[in-house]
């Protein structure tokens, strides 16, 4: 268990984290939720190239969680319609780690 994490509830064996990624207009957002702590959302910049959907900063967030003992459980991708026009991507990654 990392520093600053709440003590596990009685009998709880796992802790979950969710990384959500979405793009709105020209802004890219990543939201990280660990356990029942409030989500931390931030705008991220594309780093490696000029591609609009560069996910290198998102992978960096997943790598941070992995270094804290989390393992990827599931990942999903979807397109959200914006104002009835084309879609904007939305990604979600669910991770877990053992507490005991």
N, C-alpha and C. Protein backbone atom coordinates (compact mmCIF):
# COMPACT_ATOMS: atom_id res chain seq x y z
N UNK A 1 0.85 -1.17 0.00
CA UNK A 1 0.00 0.00 0.00
C UNK A 1 0.89 1.23 0.00
N UNK A 2 0.58 2.21 -0.85
CA UNK A 2 1.43 3.39 -0.96
C UNK A 2 1.13 4.39 0.15
N UNK A 3 2.09 5.27 0.41
CA UNK A 3 1.90 6.31 1.41
C UNK A 3 0.73 7.19 1.00
N UNK A 4 -0.08 7.55 1.96
CA UNK A 4 -1.22 8.41 1.69
C UNK A 4 -2.47 7.65 1.30
N UNK A 5 -2.37 6.34 1.09
CA UNK A 5 -3.55 5.55 0.76
C UNK A 5 -4.32 5.28 2.04
N UNK A 6 -5.65 5.28 1.96
CA UNK A 6 -6.43 4.97 3.15
C UNK A 6 -6.21 3.51 3.57
N UNK A 7 -6.36 3.24 4.85
CA UNK A 7 -6.23 1.87 5.33
C UNK A 7 -7.31 1.02 4.69
N UNK A 8 -7.00 -0.23 4.34
CA UNK A 8 -8.01 -1.07 3.70
C UNK A 8 -9.17 -1.34 4.64
N UNK A 9 -10.37 -1.39 4.09
CA UNK A 9 -11.55 -1.73 4.87
C UNK A 9 -11.41 -3.16 5.36
N UNK A 10 -12.03 -3.44 6.47
CA UNK A 10 -11.97 -4.77 7.07
C UNK A 10 -12.30 -5.84 6.03
N UNK A 11 -11.38 -6.78 5.84
CA UNK A 11 -11.62 -7.89 4.94
C UNK A 11 -11.41 -7.59 3.46
N UNK A 12 -11.13 -6.35 3.12
CA UNK A 12 -10.95 -6.01 1.70
C UNK A 12 -9.61 -6.52 1.24
N UNK A 13 -9.59 -7.16 0.07
CA UNK A 13 -8.39 -7.80 -0.44
C UNK A 13 -7.75 -7.03 -1.60
N UNK A 14 -8.51 -6.15 -2.26
CA UNK A 14 -8.01 -5.47 -3.46
C UNK A 14 -8.35 -3.99 -3.43
N UNK A 15 -7.59 -3.23 -4.18
CA UNK A 15 -7.87 -1.81 -4.38
C UNK A 15 -7.88 -1.58 -5.88
N UNK A 16 -8.78 -0.75 -6.33
CA UNK A 16 -8.95 -0.51 -7.76
C UNK A 16 -8.57 0.92 -8.12
N UNK A 17 -8.15 1.08 -9.36
CA UNK A 17 -7.86 2.40 -9.92
C UNK A 17 -8.47 2.46 -11.30
N UNK A 18 -8.97 3.64 -11.67
CA UNK A 18 -9.56 3.84 -12.99
C UNK A 18 -8.88 5.04 -13.63
N UNK A 19 -8.41 4.85 -14.84
CA UNK A 19 -7.85 5.95 -15.63
C UNK A 19 -8.79 6.17 -16.79
N UNK A 20 -9.35 7.38 -16.87
CA UNK A 20 -10.26 7.73 -17.96
C UNK A 20 -9.63 8.82 -18.80
N UNK A 21 -9.81 8.72 -20.09
CA UNK A 21 -9.20 9.66 -21.02
C UNK A 21 -10.28 10.14 -21.99
N UNK A 22 -10.36 11.43 -22.17
CA UNK A 22 -11.29 11.94 -23.17
C UNK A 22 -10.74 13.22 -23.77
N UNK A 23 -11.24 13.51 -24.94
CA UNK A 23 -10.81 14.71 -25.64
C UNK A 23 -12.06 15.54 -25.92
N UNK A 24 -11.96 16.82 -25.67
CA UNK A 24 -13.06 17.73 -25.93
C UNK A 24 -12.49 18.94 -26.64
N UNK A 25 -12.90 19.11 -27.88
CA UNK A 25 -12.31 20.18 -28.67
C UNK A 25 -10.83 19.94 -28.85
N UNK A 26 -10.03 20.93 -28.54
CA UNK A 26 -8.57 20.80 -28.68
C UNK A 26 -7.90 20.34 -27.39
N UNK A 27 -8.69 20.12 -26.32
CA UNK A 27 -8.11 19.73 -25.04
C UNK A 27 -8.18 18.23 -24.83
N UNK A 28 -7.13 17.68 -24.25
CA UNK A 28 -7.05 16.27 -23.89
C UNK A 28 -7.07 16.18 -22.37
N UNK A 29 -7.91 15.32 -21.81
CA UNK A 29 -8.03 15.19 -20.37
C UNK A 29 -7.73 13.77 -19.94
N UNK A 30 -7.07 13.61 -18.80
CA UNK A 30 -6.89 12.30 -18.19
C UNK A 30 -7.33 12.45 -16.72
N UNK A 31 -8.14 11.50 -16.27
CA UNK A 31 -8.65 11.48 -14.92
C UNK A 31 -8.19 10.18 -14.27
N UNK A 32 -7.59 10.29 -13.07
CA UNK A 32 -7.10 9.11 -12.36
C UNK A 32 -7.83 9.03 -11.02
N UNK A 33 -8.46 7.89 -10.77
CA UNK A 33 -9.15 7.64 -9.50
C UNK A 33 -8.53 6.41 -8.88
N UNK A 34 -8.07 6.54 -7.63
CA UNK A 34 -7.50 5.42 -6.90
C UNK A 34 -8.37 5.17 -5.68
N UNK A 35 -8.91 3.96 -5.59
CA UNK A 35 -9.79 3.63 -4.47
C UNK A 35 -10.96 4.58 -4.39
N UNK A 36 -11.29 4.99 -3.19
CA UNK A 36 -12.44 5.89 -3.02
C UNK A 36 -12.00 7.34 -2.86
N UNK A 37 -10.73 7.62 -3.16
CA UNK A 37 -10.25 9.01 -3.12
C UNK A 37 -10.83 9.79 -4.30
N UNK A 38 -11.01 11.10 -4.16
CA UNK A 38 -11.51 11.89 -5.29
C UNK A 38 -10.60 11.78 -6.52
N UNK A 39 -11.20 11.82 -7.68
CA UNK A 39 -10.45 11.75 -8.93
C UNK A 39 -9.55 12.97 -9.08
N UNK A 40 -8.43 12.77 -9.74
CA UNK A 40 -7.55 13.88 -10.09
C UNK A 40 -7.56 13.99 -11.60
N UNK A 41 -8.03 15.11 -12.10
CA UNK A 41 -8.14 15.32 -13.54
C UNK A 41 -7.16 16.39 -13.97
N UNK A 42 -6.54 16.16 -15.14
CA UNK A 42 -5.64 17.19 -15.66
C UNK A 42 -5.67 17.17 -17.18
N UNK A 43 -5.34 18.30 -17.75
CA UNK A 43 -5.19 18.42 -19.20
C UNK A 43 -3.79 17.94 -19.52
N UNK A 44 -3.65 17.15 -20.56
CA UNK A 44 -2.31 16.73 -20.96
C UNK A 44 -2.03 17.18 -22.38
N UNK A 45 -0.78 17.34 -22.65
CA UNK A 45 -0.34 17.77 -23.97
C UNK A 45 0.14 16.56 -24.76
N UNK A 46 -0.07 16.62 -26.05
CA UNK A 46 0.47 15.58 -26.92
C UNK A 46 1.99 15.75 -26.93
N UNK A 47 2.71 14.64 -26.78
CA UNK A 47 4.15 14.74 -26.63
C UNK A 47 4.96 14.24 -27.82
N UNK A 48 4.64 13.09 -28.34
CA UNK A 48 5.52 12.44 -29.29
C UNK A 48 5.38 12.94 -30.73
N UNK A 49 4.21 13.38 -31.09
CA UNK A 49 3.98 13.75 -32.48
C UNK A 49 2.80 14.71 -32.56
N UNK A 50 2.43 15.07 -33.74
CA UNK A 50 1.33 16.01 -33.92
C UNK A 50 -0.01 15.29 -34.06
N UNK A 51 -0.01 13.98 -33.88
CA UNK A 51 -1.26 13.24 -33.95
C UNK A 51 -2.19 13.70 -32.83
N UNK A 52 -3.42 13.88 -33.16
CA UNK A 52 -4.40 14.37 -32.21
C UNK A 52 -4.63 13.38 -31.07
N UNK A 53 -4.51 12.10 -31.34
CA UNK A 53 -4.88 11.09 -30.36
C UNK A 53 -3.66 10.38 -29.77
N UNK A 54 -2.59 11.11 -29.54
CA UNK A 54 -1.38 10.55 -28.94
C UNK A 54 -1.66 10.15 -27.50
N UNK A 55 -1.42 8.89 -27.15
CA UNK A 55 -1.71 8.41 -25.81
C UNK A 55 -0.46 8.18 -24.96
N UNK A 56 0.68 8.66 -25.40
CA UNK A 56 1.91 8.48 -24.61
C UNK A 56 1.76 9.04 -23.18
N UNK A 57 1.17 10.21 -22.97
CA UNK A 57 1.01 10.70 -21.60
C UNK A 57 0.07 9.81 -20.77
N UNK A 58 -0.88 9.17 -21.41
CA UNK A 58 -1.80 8.27 -20.71
C UNK A 58 -1.06 7.01 -20.29
N UNK A 59 -0.25 6.48 -21.18
CA UNK A 59 0.55 5.31 -20.83
C UNK A 59 1.48 5.62 -19.67
N UNK A 60 1.98 6.83 -19.59
CA UNK A 60 2.83 7.22 -18.47
C UNK A 60 2.05 7.12 -17.15
N UNK A 61 0.77 7.51 -17.16
CA UNK A 61 -0.06 7.38 -15.96
C UNK A 61 -0.25 5.91 -15.58
N UNK A 62 -0.49 5.06 -16.58
CA UNK A 62 -0.65 3.63 -16.33
C UNK A 62 0.64 3.03 -15.77
N UNK A 63 1.78 3.47 -16.29
CA UNK A 63 3.07 2.99 -15.81
C UNK A 63 3.30 3.40 -14.35
N UNK A 64 2.87 4.61 -13.97
CA UNK A 64 3.00 5.06 -12.57
C UNK A 64 2.19 4.13 -11.66
N UNK A 65 0.96 3.83 -12.07
CA UNK A 65 0.12 2.94 -11.27
C UNK A 65 0.72 1.55 -11.19
N UNK A 66 1.27 1.07 -12.30
CA UNK A 66 1.90 -0.25 -12.32
C UNK A 66 3.07 -0.29 -11.33
N UNK A 67 3.83 0.79 -11.26
CA UNK A 67 4.96 0.86 -10.33
C UNK A 67 4.48 0.84 -8.88
N UNK A 68 3.22 1.21 -8.64
CA UNK A 68 2.63 1.18 -7.30
C UNK A 68 1.97 -0.17 -7.01
N UNK A 69 2.11 -1.13 -7.93
CA UNK A 69 1.58 -2.47 -7.70
C UNK A 69 0.27 -2.77 -8.40
N UNK A 70 -0.26 -1.84 -9.18
CA UNK A 70 -1.51 -2.08 -9.90
C UNK A 70 -1.24 -2.85 -11.19
N UNK A 71 -2.19 -3.71 -11.54
CA UNK A 71 -2.14 -4.46 -12.79
C UNK A 71 -3.38 -4.14 -13.61
N UNK A 72 -3.22 -4.09 -14.91
CA UNK A 72 -4.34 -3.79 -15.79
C UNK A 72 -5.34 -4.94 -15.79
N UNK A 73 -6.60 -4.61 -15.55
CA UNK A 73 -7.69 -5.59 -15.59
C UNK A 73 -8.44 -5.53 -16.91
N UNK A 74 -8.72 -4.30 -17.36
CA UNK A 74 -9.56 -4.13 -18.53
C UNK A 74 -9.31 -2.75 -19.14
N UNK A 75 -9.45 -2.67 -20.43
CA UNK A 75 -9.37 -1.39 -21.13
C UNK A 75 -10.48 -1.32 -22.16
N UNK A 76 -11.06 -0.15 -22.33
CA UNK A 76 -12.13 0.01 -23.31
C UNK A 76 -11.89 1.30 -24.10
N UNK A 77 -12.45 1.33 -25.28
CA UNK A 77 -12.40 2.53 -26.11
C UNK A 77 -13.77 2.73 -26.72
N UNK A 78 -14.19 3.97 -26.84
CA UNK A 78 -15.49 4.29 -27.41
C UNK A 78 -15.41 5.64 -28.11
N UNK A 79 -16.37 5.91 -28.93
CA UNK A 79 -16.49 7.23 -29.56
C UNK A 79 -17.76 7.89 -29.03
N UNK A 80 -17.62 9.12 -28.56
CA UNK A 80 -18.76 9.88 -28.06
C UNK A 80 -19.14 10.92 -29.11
N UNK A 81 -20.40 10.96 -29.44
CA UNK A 81 -20.89 11.93 -30.41
C UNK A 81 -20.87 13.32 -29.79
N UNK A 82 -20.40 14.29 -30.54
CA UNK A 82 -20.35 15.67 -30.08
C UNK A 82 -21.26 16.51 -30.96
N UNK A 83 -22.29 17.05 -30.39
CA UNK A 83 -23.23 17.92 -31.09
C UNK A 83 -23.77 17.27 -32.36
N UNK A 84 -24.01 15.97 -32.31
CA UNK A 84 -24.60 15.27 -33.45
C UNK A 84 -23.65 15.07 -34.61
N UNK A 85 -22.42 15.52 -34.48
CA UNK A 85 -21.44 15.39 -35.57
C UNK A 85 -20.55 14.18 -35.34
N UNK A 86 -19.29 14.34 -35.68
CA UNK A 86 -18.33 13.26 -35.52
C UNK A 86 -18.09 12.94 -34.07
N UNK A 87 -17.41 11.87 -33.81
CA UNK A 87 -17.19 11.43 -32.45
C UNK A 87 -15.84 11.84 -31.89
N UNK A 88 -15.78 11.91 -30.59
CA UNK A 88 -14.54 12.15 -29.87
C UNK A 88 -14.21 10.88 -29.11
N UNK A 89 -12.94 10.48 -29.04
CA UNK A 89 -12.58 9.23 -28.37
C UNK A 89 -12.67 9.34 -26.85
N UNK A 90 -13.01 8.23 -26.23
CA UNK A 90 -13.02 8.08 -24.78
C UNK A 90 -12.39 6.73 -24.48
N UNK A 91 -11.43 6.71 -23.57
CA UNK A 91 -10.75 5.48 -23.18
C UNK A 91 -10.87 5.31 -21.67
N UNK A 92 -10.95 4.07 -21.24
CA UNK A 92 -11.01 3.80 -19.81
C UNK A 92 -10.16 2.56 -19.52
N UNK A 93 -9.36 2.64 -18.46
CA UNK A 93 -8.50 1.54 -18.05
C UNK A 93 -8.79 1.24 -16.59
N UNK A 94 -9.10 -0.01 -16.27
CA UNK A 94 -9.36 -0.42 -14.89
C UNK A 94 -8.19 -1.27 -14.43
N UNK A 95 -7.65 -0.91 -13.27
CA UNK A 95 -6.49 -1.60 -12.73
C UNK A 95 -6.80 -2.03 -11.30
N UNK A 96 -6.08 -3.03 -10.81
CA UNK A 96 -6.25 -3.44 -9.40
C UNK A 96 -4.91 -3.87 -8.83
N UNK A 97 -4.84 -3.83 -7.51
CA UNK A 97 -3.68 -4.36 -6.80
C UNK A 97 -4.16 -5.07 -5.54
N UNK A 98 -3.39 -6.06 -5.16
CA UNK A 98 -3.69 -6.82 -3.94
C UNK A 98 -3.26 -6.02 -2.73
N UNK A 99 -4.07 -6.03 -1.69
CA UNK A 99 -3.74 -5.31 -0.45
C UNK A 99 -3.09 -6.21 0.59
N UNK A 100 -3.41 -7.48 0.56
CA UNK A 100 -2.89 -8.41 1.58
C UNK A 100 -2.14 -9.54 0.93
